[in-house]
Amino acid sequence: MPPVIDPDKCIRCGKCADTCPEDVYFGSGKKQVPQVTYPQECAYCNGCVEECPVEGTIRLRIPLPMMLLYKPTA
């Protein structure tokens, strides 16, 4: 379940692609909506969601087995 980017909200800054430690957005061009090239590599670190300047642009769907261990920080 890779990150989902809303193309209507995306300002095409590329911060999500630059931030991703797993290079999920490999090959995404500058000034374009980033494409999830390697969805299976996503570690669900939430870095792309946190780094995005427009809230709600990137939605990260965490798999159920990981949700059982996930504890959101306040």
PDB file of N, CA and C in Angstrom:
ATOM      1  N   MET A   1       0.840  -1.176   0.000  1.00  0.00           N
ATOM      2  CA  MET A   1       0.000   0.000   0.000  1.00  0.00           C
ATOM      3  C   MET A   1       0.888   1.243   0.000  1.00  0.00           C
ATOM      4  N   PRO A   2       1.246   1.698  -1.169  1.00  0.00           N
ATOM      5  CA  PRO A   2       2.170   2.829  -1.277  1.00  0.00           C
ATOM      6  C   PRO A   2       1.505   4.158  -0.949  1.00  0.00           C
ATOM      7  N   PRO A   3       2.311   5.212  -0.829  1.00  0.00           N
ATOM      8  CA  PRO A   3       1.752   6.548  -0.617  1.00  0.00           C
ATOM      9  C   PRO A   3       0.886   6.948  -1.816  1.00  0.00           C
ATOM     10  N   VAL A   4      -0.160   7.699  -1.540  1.00  0.00           N
ATOM     11  CA  VAL A   4      -1.050   8.185  -2.586  1.00  0.00           C
ATOM     12  C   VAL A   4      -0.944   9.696  -2.608  1.00  0.00           C
ATOM     13  N   ILE A   5      -0.628  10.268  -3.776  1.00  0.00           N
ATOM     14  CA  ILE A   5      -0.456  11.708  -3.920  1.00  0.00           C
ATOM     15  C   ILE A   5      -1.649  12.273  -4.674  1.00  0.00           C
ATOM     16  N   ASP A   6      -2.257  13.312  -4.101  1.00  0.00           N
ATOM     17  CA  ASP A   6      -3.365  14.004  -4.754  1.00  0.00           C
ATOM     18  C   ASP A   6      -2.772  15.007  -5.736  1.00  0.00           C
ATOM     19  N   PRO A   7      -2.890  14.769  -7.052  1.00  0.00           N
ATOM     20  CA  PRO A   7      -2.270  15.653  -8.039  1.00  0.00           C
ATOM     21  C   PRO A   7      -2.859  17.061  -8.046  1.00  0.00           C
ATOM     22  N   ASP A   8      -4.097  17.209  -7.568  1.00  0.00           N
ATOM     23  CA  ASP A   8      -4.716  18.534  -7.530  1.00  0.00           C
ATOM     24  C   ASP A   8      -4.141  19.409  -6.421  1.00  0.00           C
ATOM     25  N   LYS A   9      -3.669  18.789  -5.340  1.00  0.00           N
ATOM     26  CA  LYS A   9      -3.091  19.540  -4.221  1.00  0.00           C
ATOM     27  C   LYS A   9      -1.578  19.691  -4.331  1.00  0.00           C
ATOM     28  N   CYS A  10      -0.937  18.803  -5.089  1.00  0.00           N
ATOM     29  CA  CYS A  10       0.522  18.786  -5.183  1.00  0.00           C
ATOM     30  C   CYS A  10       1.041  20.060  -5.855  1.00  0.00           C
ATOM     31  N   ILE A  11       2.042  20.698  -5.212  1.00  0.00           N
ATOM     32  CA  ILE A  11       2.643  21.906  -5.792  1.00  0.00           C
ATOM     33  C   ILE A  11       3.927  21.576  -6.550  1.00  0.00           C
ATOM     34  N   ARG A  12       4.241  20.298  -6.660  1.00  0.00           N
ATOM     35  CA  ARG A  12       5.371  19.798  -7.448  1.00  0.00           C
ATOM     36  C   ARG A  12       6.725  20.322  -6.966  1.00  0.00           C
ATOM     37  N   CYS A  13       6.883  20.354  -5.653  1.00  0.00           N
ATOM     38  CA  CYS A  13       8.137  20.852  -5.072  1.00  0.00           C
ATOM     39  C   CYS A  13       9.220  19.773  -5.014  1.00  0.00           C
ATOM     40  N   GLY A  14       8.831  18.498  -4.982  1.00  0.00           N
ATOM     41  CA  GLY A  14       9.789  17.401  -4.961  1.00  0.00           C
ATOM     42  C   GLY A  14      10.357  17.072  -3.595  1.00  0.00           C
ATOM     43  N   LYS A  15       9.837  17.693  -2.531  1.00  0.00           N
ATOM     44  CA  LYS A  15      10.361  17.423  -1.187  1.00  0.00           C
ATOM     45  C   LYS A  15      10.120  15.986  -0.757  1.00  0.00           C
ATOM     46  N   CYS A  16       9.011  15.410  -1.175  1.00  0.00           N
ATOM     47  CA  CYS A  16       8.720  14.023  -0.794  1.00  0.00           C
ATOM     48  C   CYS A  16       9.748  13.076  -1.409  1.00  0.00           C
ATOM     49  N   ALA A  17      10.075  13.303  -2.664  1.00  0.00           N
ATOM     50  CA  ALA A  17      11.061  12.456  -3.343  1.00  0.00           C
ATOM     51  C   ALA A  17      12.448  12.637  -2.750  1.00  0.00           C
ATOM     52  N   ASP A  18      12.790  13.854  -2.375  1.00  0.00           N
ATOM     53  CA  ASP A  18      14.096  14.126  -1.772  1.00  0.00           C
ATOM     54  C   ASP A  18      14.218  13.537  -0.376  1.00  0.00           C
ATOM     55  N   THR A  19      13.106  13.465   0.339  1.00  0.00           N
ATOM     56  CA  THR A  19      13.104  13.007   1.729  1.00  0.00           C
ATOM     57  C   THR A  19      13.097  11.492   1.861  1.00  0.00           C
ATOM     58  N   CYS A  20      12.508  10.801   0.904  1.00  0.00           N
ATOM     59  CA  CYS A  20      12.293   9.357   1.016  1.00  0.00           C
ATOM     60  C   CYS A  20      13.614   8.587   1.147  1.00  0.00           C
ATOM     61  N   PRO A  21      13.819   7.895   2.293  1.00  0.00           N
ATOM     62  CA  PRO A  21      15.055   7.141   2.483  1.00  0.00           C
ATOM     63  C   PRO A  21      15.103   5.852   1.654  1.00  0.00           C
ATOM     64  N   GLU A  22      13.947   5.384   1.201  1.00  0.00           N
ATOM     65  CA  GLU A  22      13.880   4.132   0.447  1.00  0.00           C
ATOM     66  C   GLU A  22      13.821   4.358  -1.061  1.00  0.00           C
ATOM     67  N   ASP A  23      13.835   5.607  -1.494  1.00  0.00           N
ATOM     68  CA  ASP A  23      13.812   5.975  -2.915  1.00  0.00           C
ATOM     69  C   ASP A  23      12.584   5.417  -3.632  1.00  0.00           C
ATOM     70  N   VAL A  24      11.438   5.499  -2.957  1.00  0.00           N
ATOM     71  CA  VAL A  24      10.174   5.030  -3.505  1.00  0.00           C
ATOM     72  C   VAL A  24       9.781   5.825  -4.753  1.00  0.00           C
ATOM     73  N   TYR A  25      10.177   7.094  -4.792  1.00  0.00           N
ATOM     74  CA  TYR A  25       9.799   7.984  -5.895  1.00  0.00           C
ATOM     75  C   TYR A  25      10.895   8.071  -6.960  1.00  0.00           C
ATOM     76  N   PHE A  26      11.711   7.049  -7.098  1.00  0.00           N
ATOM     77  CA  PHE A  26      12.842   7.049  -8.024  1.00  0.00           C
ATOM     78  C   PHE A  26      12.409   7.435  -9.443  1.00  0.00           C
ATOM     79  N   GLY A  27      13.149   8.330 -10.050  1.00  0.00           N
ATOM     80  CA  GLY A  27      12.898   8.735 -11.423  1.00  0.00           C
ATOM     81  C   GLY A  27      11.872   9.831 -11.593  1.00  0.00           C
ATOM     82  N   SER A  28      11.301  10.310 -10.490  1.00  0.00           N
ATOM     83  CA  SER A  28      10.322  11.388 -10.599  1.00  0.00           C
ATOM     84  C   SER A  28      11.023  12.670 -11.007  1.00  0.00           C
ATOM     85  N   GLY A  29      10.475  13.324 -12.002  1.00  0.00           N
ATOM     86  CA  GLY A  29      11.080  14.548 -12.514  1.00  0.00           C
ATOM     87  C   GLY A  29      10.744  15.763 -11.680  1.00  0.00           C
ATOM     88  N   LYS A  30      11.601  16.748 -11.748  1.00  0.00           N
ATOM     89  CA  LYS A  30      11.354  18.015 -11.055  1.00  0.00           C
ATOM     90  C   LYS A  30      10.185  18.728 -11.719  1.00  0.00           C
ATOM     91  N   LYS A  31       9.453  19.447 -10.925  1.00  0.00           N
ATOM     92  CA  LYS A  31       8.280  20.205 -11.387  1.00  0.00           C
ATOM     93  C   LYS A  31       7.184  19.308 -11.967  1.00  0.00           C
ATOM     94  N   GLN A  32       7.138  18.040 -11.512  1.00  0.00           N
ATOM     95  CA  GLN A  32       6.089  17.112 -11.900  1.00  0.00           C
ATOM     96  C   GLN A  32       5.542  16.446 -10.639  1.00  0.00           C
ATOM     97  N   VAL A  33       4.328  15.931 -10.735  1.00  0.00           N
ATOM     98  CA  VAL A  33       3.770  15.176  -9.614  1.00  0.00           C
ATOM     99  C   VAL A  33       4.609  13.915  -9.472  1.00  0.00           C
ATOM    100  N   PRO A  34       5.202  13.682  -8.289  1.00  0.00           N
ATOM    101  CA  PRO A  34       6.043  12.488  -8.096  1.00  0.00           C
ATOM    102  C   PRO A  34       5.257  11.199  -8.316  1.00  0.00           C
ATOM    103  N   GLN A  35       5.909  10.250  -8.955  1.00  0.00           N
ATOM    104  CA  GLN A  35       5.315   8.946  -9.212  1.00  0.00           C
ATOM    105  C   GLN A  35       5.923   7.921  -8.264  1.00  0.00           C
ATOM    106  N   VAL A  36       5.090   7.064  -7.718  1.00  0.00           N
ATOM    107  CA  VAL A  36       5.562   6.003  -6.842  1.00  0.00           C
ATOM    108  C   VAL A  36       6.079   4.880  -7.736  1.00  0.00           C
ATOM    109  N   THR A  37       7.403   4.812  -7.870  1.00  0.00           N
ATOM    110  CA  THR A  37       8.037   3.857  -8.767  1.00  0.00           C
ATOM    111  C   THR A  37       8.228   2.497  -8.117  1.00  0.00           C
ATOM    112  N   TYR A  38       8.613   2.488  -6.851  1.00  0.00           N
ATOM    113  CA  TYR A  38       8.865   1.242  -6.129  1.00  0.00           C
ATOM    114  C   TYR A  38       7.977   1.168  -4.879  1.00  0.00           C
ATOM    115  N   PRO A  39       6.685   0.875  -5.044  1.00  0.00           N
ATOM    116  CA  PRO A  39       5.775   0.857  -3.895  1.00  0.00           C
ATOM    117  C   PRO A  39       6.134  -0.182  -2.849  1.00  0.00           C
ATOM    118  N   GLN A  40       6.698  -1.309  -3.281  1.00  0.00           N
ATOM    119  CA  GLN A  40       7.038  -2.384  -2.341  1.00  0.00           C
ATOM    120  C   GLN A  40       8.187  -2.005  -1.415  1.00  0.00           C
ATOM    121  N   GLU A  41       8.937  -0.952  -1.758  1.00  0.00           N
ATOM    122  CA  GLU A  41      10.071  -0.518  -0.941  1.00  0.00           C
ATOM    123  C   GLU A  41       9.675   0.440   0.179  1.00  0.00           C
ATOM    124  N   CYS A  42       8.444   0.925   0.181  1.00  0.00           N
ATOM    125  CA  CYS A  42       8.002   1.894   1.182  1.00  0.00           C
ATOM    126  C   CYS A  42       8.085   1.295   2.588  1.00  0.00           C
ATOM    127  N   ALA A  43       8.761   2.012   3.485  1.00  0.00           N
ATOM    128  CA  ALA A  43       8.913   1.564   4.870  1.00  0.00           C
ATOM    129  C   ALA A  43       7.888   2.227   5.789  1.00  0.00           C
ATOM    130  N   TYR A  44       6.987   3.023   5.225  1.00  0.00           N
ATOM    131  CA  TYR A  44       5.925   3.694   5.977  1.00  0.00           C
ATOM    132  C   TYR A  44       6.485   4.558   7.107  1.00  0.00           C
ATOM    133  N   CYS A  45       7.574   5.246   6.811  1.00  0.00           N
ATOM    134  CA  CYS A  45       8.218   6.088   7.824  1.00  0.00           C
ATOM    135  C   CYS A  45       7.490   7.410   8.019  1.00  0.00           C
ATOM    136  N   ASN A  46       6.603   7.763   7.080  1.00  0.00           N
ATOM    137  CA  ASN A  46       5.806   8.991   7.150  1.00  0.00           C
ATOM    138  C   ASN A  46       6.621  10.242   6.840  1.00  0.00           C
ATOM    139  N   GLY A  47       7.852  10.083   6.392  1.00  0.00           N
ATOM    140  CA  GLY A  47       8.709  11.228   6.093  1.00  0.00           C
ATOM    141  C   GLY A  47       8.160  12.098   4.987  1.00  0.00           C
ATOM    142  N   CYS A  48       7.635  11.478   3.941  1.00  0.00           N
ATOM    143  CA  CYS A  48       7.099  12.251   2.812  1.00  0.00           C
ATOM    144  C   CYS A  48       5.873  13.054   3.228  1.00  0.00           C
ATOM    145  N   VAL A  49       5.040  12.472   4.090  1.00  0.00           N
ATOM    146  CA  VAL A  49       3.837  13.164   4.563  1.00  0.00           C
ATOM    147  C   VAL A  49       4.228  14.352   5.427  1.00  0.00           C
ATOM    148  N   GLU A  50       5.194  14.160   6.312  1.00  0.00           N
ATOM    149  CA  GLU A  50       5.630  15.227   7.210  1.00  0.00           C
ATOM    150  C   GLU A  50       6.342  16.357   6.478  1.00  0.00           C
ATOM    151  N   GLU A  51       7.087  16.025   5.436  1.00  0.00           N
ATOM    152  CA  GLU A  51       7.885  17.023   4.721  1.00  0.00           C
ATOM    153  C   GLU A  51       7.069  17.827   3.713  1.00  0.00           C
ATOM    154  N   CYS A  52       5.943  17.312   3.284  1.00  0.00           N
ATOM    155  CA  CYS A  52       5.106  17.984   2.291  1.00  0.00           C
ATOM    156  C   CYS A  52       4.550  19.292   2.865  1.00  0.00           C
ATOM    157  N   PRO A  53       4.745  20.421   2.153  1.00  0.00           N
ATOM    158  CA  PRO A  53       4.279  21.708   2.659  1.00  0.00           C
ATOM    159  C   PRO A  53       2.760  21.897   2.587  1.00  0.00           C
ATOM    160  N   VAL A  54       2.068  21.081   1.797  1.00  0.00           N
ATOM    161  CA  VAL A  54       0.616  21.200   1.654  1.00  0.00           C
ATOM    162  C   VAL A  54      -0.045  20.030   2.371  1.00  0.00           C
ATOM    163  N   GLU A  55      -0.688  20.318   3.473  1.00  0.00           N
ATOM    164  CA  GLU A  55      -1.302  19.271   4.283  1.00  0.00           C
ATOM    165  C   GLU A  55      -2.388  18.535   3.503  1.00  0.00           C
ATOM    166  N   GLY A  56      -2.378  17.229   3.595  1.00  0.00           N
ATOM    167  CA  GLY A  56      -3.380  16.403   2.945  1.00  0.00           C
ATOM    168  C   GLY A  56      -3.058  16.002   1.523  1.00  0.00           C
ATOM    169  N   THR A  57      -1.897  16.388   1.022  1.00  0.00           N
ATOM    170  CA  THR A  57      -1.524  16.035  -0.349  1.00  0.00           C
ATOM    171  C   THR A  57      -1.128  14.574  -0.462  1.00  0.00           C
ATOM    172  N   ILE A  58      -0.384  14.076   0.527  1.00  0.00           N
ATOM    173  CA  ILE A  58       0.080  12.689   0.505  1.00  0.00           C
ATOM    174  C   ILE A  58      -0.631  11.911   1.601  1.00  0.00           C
ATOM    175  N   ARG A  59      -1.218  10.801   1.191  1.00  0.00           N
ATOM    176  CA  ARG A  59      -1.894   9.935   2.148  1.00  0.00           C
ATOM    177  C   ARG A  59      -1.127   8.630   2.199  1.00  0.00           C
ATOM    178  N   LEU A  60      -0.761   8.219   3.387  1.00  0.00           N
ATOM    179  CA  LEU A  60      -0.003   6.985   3.568  1.00  0.00           C
ATOM    180  C   LEU A  60      -0.928   5.940   4.169  1.00  0.00           C
ATOM    181  N   ARG A  61      -1.115   4.864   3.442  1.00  0.00           N
ATOM    182  CA  ARG A  61      -1.991   3.788   3.900  1.00  0.00           C
ATOM    183  C   ARG A  61      -1.132   2.713   4.556  1.00  0.00           C
ATOM    184  N   ILE A  62      -1.150   2.686   5.865  1.00  0.00           N
ATOM    185  CA  ILE A  62      -0.331   1.730   6.612  1.00  0.00           C
ATOM    186  C   ILE A  62      -1.042   0.375   6.639  1.00  0.00           C
ATOM    187  N   PRO A  63      -0.353  -0.716   6.270  1.00  0.00           N
ATOM    188  CA  PRO A  63      -0.960  -2.051   6.278  1.00  0.00           C
ATOM    189  C   PRO A  63      -1.408  -2.452   7.683  1.00  0.00           C
ATOM    190  N   LEU A  64      -2.451  -3.250   7.744  1.00  0.00           N
ATOM    191  CA  LEU A  64      -3.022  -3.668   9.021  1.00  0.00           C
ATOM    192  C   LEU A  64      -2.005  -4.274   9.986  1.00  0.00           C
ATOM    193  N   PRO A  65      -1.130  -5.196   9.569  1.00  0.00           N
ATOM    194  CA  PRO A  65      -0.167  -5.740  10.540  1.00  0.00           C
ATOM    195  C   PRO A  65       0.732  -4.666  11.159  1.00  0.00           C
ATOM    196  N   MET A  66       1.052  -3.633  10.380  1.00  0.00           N
ATOM    197  CA  MET A  66       1.877  -2.561  10.927  1.00  0.00           C
ATOM    198  C   MET A  66       1.062  -1.628  11.820  1.00  0.00           C
ATOM    199  N   MET A  67      -0.247  -1.474  11.520  1.00  0.00           N
ATOM    200  CA  MET A  67      -1.106  -0.613  12.327  1.00  0.00           C
ATOM    201  C   MET A  67      -1.236  -1.146  13.746  1.00  0.00           C
ATOM    202  N   LEU A  68      -1.155  -2.448  13.885  1.00  0.00           N
ATOM    203  CA  LEU A  68      -1.265  -3.043  15.211  1.00  0.00           C
ATOM    204  C   LEU A  68      -0.071  -2.644  16.090  1.00  0.00           C
ATOM    205  N   LEU A  69       1.044  -2.316  15.468  1.00  0.00           N
ATOM    206  CA  LEU A  69       2.237  -1.919  16.186  1.00  0.00           C
ATOM    207  C   LEU A  69       2.459  -0.401  16.171  1.00  0.00           C
ATOM    208  N   TYR A  70       1.684   0.315  15.375  1.00  0.00           N
ATOM    209  CA  TYR A  70       1.871   1.752  15.174  1.00  0.00           C
ATOM    210  C   TYR A  70       1.251   2.545  16.291  1.00  0.00           C
ATOM    211  N   LYS A  71       2.014   3.480  16.846  1.00  0.00           N
ATOM    212  CA  LYS A  71       1.510   4.353  17.887  1.00  0.00           C
ATOM    213  C   LYS A  71       1.795   5.788  17.470  1.00  0.00           C
ATOM    214  N   PRO A  72       0.760   6.551  17.110  1.00  0.00           N
ATOM    215  CA  PRO A  72       0.983   7.913  16.659  1.00  0.00           C
ATOM    216  C   PRO A  72       1.539   8.778  17.784  1.00  0.00           C
ATOM    217  N   THR A  73       2.423   9.702  17.409  1.00  0.00           N
ATOM    218  CA  THR A  73       2.967  10.633  18.383  1.00  0.00           C
ATOM    219  C   THR A  73       2.088  11.873  18.430  1.00  0.00           C
ATOM    220  N   ALA A  74       1.935  12.387  19.603  1.00  0.00           N
ATOM    221  CA  ALA A  74       1.059  13.567  19.769  1.00  0.00           C
ATOM    222  C   ALA A  74       1.809  14.851  19.676  1.00  0.00           C
TER     223      ALA A  74
END
